[in-house]
Protein backbone atom coordinates (compact mmCIF):
# COMPACT_ATOMS: atom_id res chain seq x y z
CA MET A 1 3.29 8.31 9.85
CA PRO A 2 1.97 6.70 7.07
CA TYR A 3 1.49 2.98 6.69
CA ILE A 4 1.01 0.96 3.82
CA GLY A 5 -0.26 -2.63 4.40
CA THR A 6 -0.64 -5.00 1.33
CA LYS A 7 -2.45 -8.30 1.32
CA THR A 8 -2.14 -10.84 -1.54
CA THR A 9 -2.59 -14.22 -2.96
CA LEU A 10 0.81 -14.54 -3.64
CA LYS A 11 3.77 -15.98 -1.52
CA ILE A 12 6.40 -12.47 -1.97
CA SER A 13 10.33 -13.15 -1.93
CA ASP A 14 12.08 -11.48 0.50
CA GLU A 15 13.85 -9.63 -2.70
CA LYS A 16 10.53 -8.42 -3.86
CA LYS A 17 9.45 -6.99 -0.68
CA GLU A 18 12.16 -4.82 -0.19
CA ILE A 19 11.89 -3.43 -4.17
CA ILE A 20 8.04 -2.86 -3.30
CA LYS A 21 9.04 -1.23 0.15
CA LYS A 22 11.61 1.00 -1.63
CA ARG A 23 9.20 1.99 -4.36
CA PHE A 24 6.23 2.60 -1.77
CA GLY A 25 8.84 4.86 0.09
CA LYS A 26 9.17 6.71 -3.02
CA ALA A 27 5.43 6.87 -3.83
CA ILE A 28 4.22 8.07 -0.29
CA GLU A 29 6.16 11.18 -1.21
CA PHE A 30 2.80 11.93 -3.09
CA PHE A 31 1.61 13.25 0.00
CA PRO A 32 2.87 16.42 1.23
CA GLY A 33 5.21 16.33 4.06
CA LYS A 34 5.26 12.39 3.96
CA THR A 35 8.48 10.59 3.51
CA GLU A 36 10.07 6.88 3.68
CA ARG A 37 11.59 7.91 7.03
CA TRP A 38 8.07 7.60 8.92
CA LEU A 39 6.69 5.00 6.74
CA MET A 40 5.39 1.51 8.16
CA VAL A 41 5.01 -0.99 5.51
CA SER A 42 3.65 -4.45 6.17
CA PHE A 43 3.02 -7.78 3.75
CA ASP A 44 0.30 -10.59 4.53
CA GLU A 45 0.93 -13.26 1.61
CA GLY A 46 -0.54 -16.42 0.66
CA LEU A 47 -3.77 -15.34 1.40
CA THR A 48 -7.37 -16.44 0.16
CA MET A 49 -9.16 -13.86 -2.09
CA TYR A 50 -11.98 -13.43 -4.26
CA MET A 51 -12.49 -10.45 -6.53
CA ALA A 52 -16.06 -10.59 -8.04
CA GLY A 53 -16.34 -13.99 -6.87
CA ASP A 54 -13.43 -15.24 -8.74
CA GLY A 55 -10.46 -16.64 -6.68
CA SER A 56 -8.30 -18.20 -9.55
CA ASP A 57 -6.16 -15.15 -10.03
CA GLU A 58 -3.57 -13.08 -8.44
CA THR A 59 -5.31 -10.33 -6.14
CA ALA A 60 -4.34 -7.64 -3.51
CA PHE A 61 -5.95 -5.39 -1.18
CA VAL A 62 -3.61 -2.44 -0.27
CA GLU A 63 -4.50 0.06 2.89
CA VAL A 64 -2.89 3.34 2.95
CA LYS A 65 -3.22 5.03 6.18
CA LEU A 66 -2.11 9.01 6.74
CA LEU A 67 -1.76 10.84 9.95
CA GLY A 68 -3.70 13.99 8.65
CA LYS A 69 -5.57 14.63 5.29
CA GLY A 70 -4.26 13.94 1.73
CA ASN A 71 -5.71 15.49 -1.37
CA LYS A 72 -7.60 14.04 -4.54
CA ALA A 73 -4.55 14.66 -6.75
CA SER A 74 -2.37 12.75 -4.45
CA PHE A 75 -4.82 9.88 -3.71
CA ASP A 76 -5.34 9.61 -7.66
CA ARG A 77 -1.39 9.72 -8.19
CA MET A 78 -1.05 6.87 -5.13
CA THR A 79 -3.27 4.88 -5.92
CA ALA A 80 -2.01 4.68 -9.83
CA GLU A 81 1.55 3.92 -8.67
CA ILE A 82 0.44 1.53 -6.08
CA CYS A 83 -1.29 -0.46 -9.14
CA ASN A 84 1.77 0.02 -11.50
CA ILE A 85 4.39 -1.22 -8.80
CA LEU A 86 2.28 -4.23 -7.75
CA THR A 87 1.67 -5.03 -11.85
CA GLU A 88 5.39 -4.62 -12.57
CA GLU A 89 6.78 -6.42 -9.41
CA LEU A 90 4.19 -9.18 -8.87
CA GLY A 91 2.16 -9.58 -11.83
CA ILE A 92 -0.84 -8.46 -10.65
CA LYS A 93 -3.48 -6.91 -12.90
CA GLY A 94 -4.71 -3.65 -11.93
CA ASP A 95 -8.17 -4.75 -11.73
CA ARG A 96 -7.56 -7.23 -9.43
CA ILE A 97 -5.96 -4.59 -7.02
CA TYR A 98 -7.81 -2.54 -4.46
CA VAL A 99 -6.53 0.40 -2.51
CA LYS A 100 -8.23 1.85 0.38
CA TYR A 101 -6.96 5.20 1.93
CA GLU A 102 -7.69 6.28 5.79
CA GLU A 103 -7.11 9.78 7.10
CA CYS A 104 -6.16 9.43 11.24
CA GLU A 105 -6.59 12.43 13.42
CA HIS A 106 -4.70 10.87 16.29
CA TRP A 107 -1.75 8.52 15.52
CA GLY A 108 0.27 7.46 18.48
CA TYR A 109 4.37 6.72 18.53
CA ASP A 110 6.86 5.80 21.04
CA GLY A 111 4.37 6.51 23.87
CA ILE A 112 3.17 9.61 22.57
CA ASN A 113 0.31 11.30 20.33
CA PHE A 114 0.73 13.49 17.42
């Protein structure tokens, strides 16, 4: 039950969304037991965002939520890959990307909780 939400200053074409979604689907496998089959992805685009008080360059904030726990190696690989994906696909520089992780003990789906 992973979720990846991306907030960015850019407007993202449907084609780019599809590419990023697929690449996130592969990257989520850095976490043992996580696959694209259960991955939910969202995009919140065209936002006004400031980084270090500067709103003149493209910026992104990415949230990754997991049912259960991750490990440091998985988090490190995932952060590097998220930054790589957003730089390659959207041109956002790595120093303008924040990635936040949240490990959840309780997660509901289809009327039940895991």
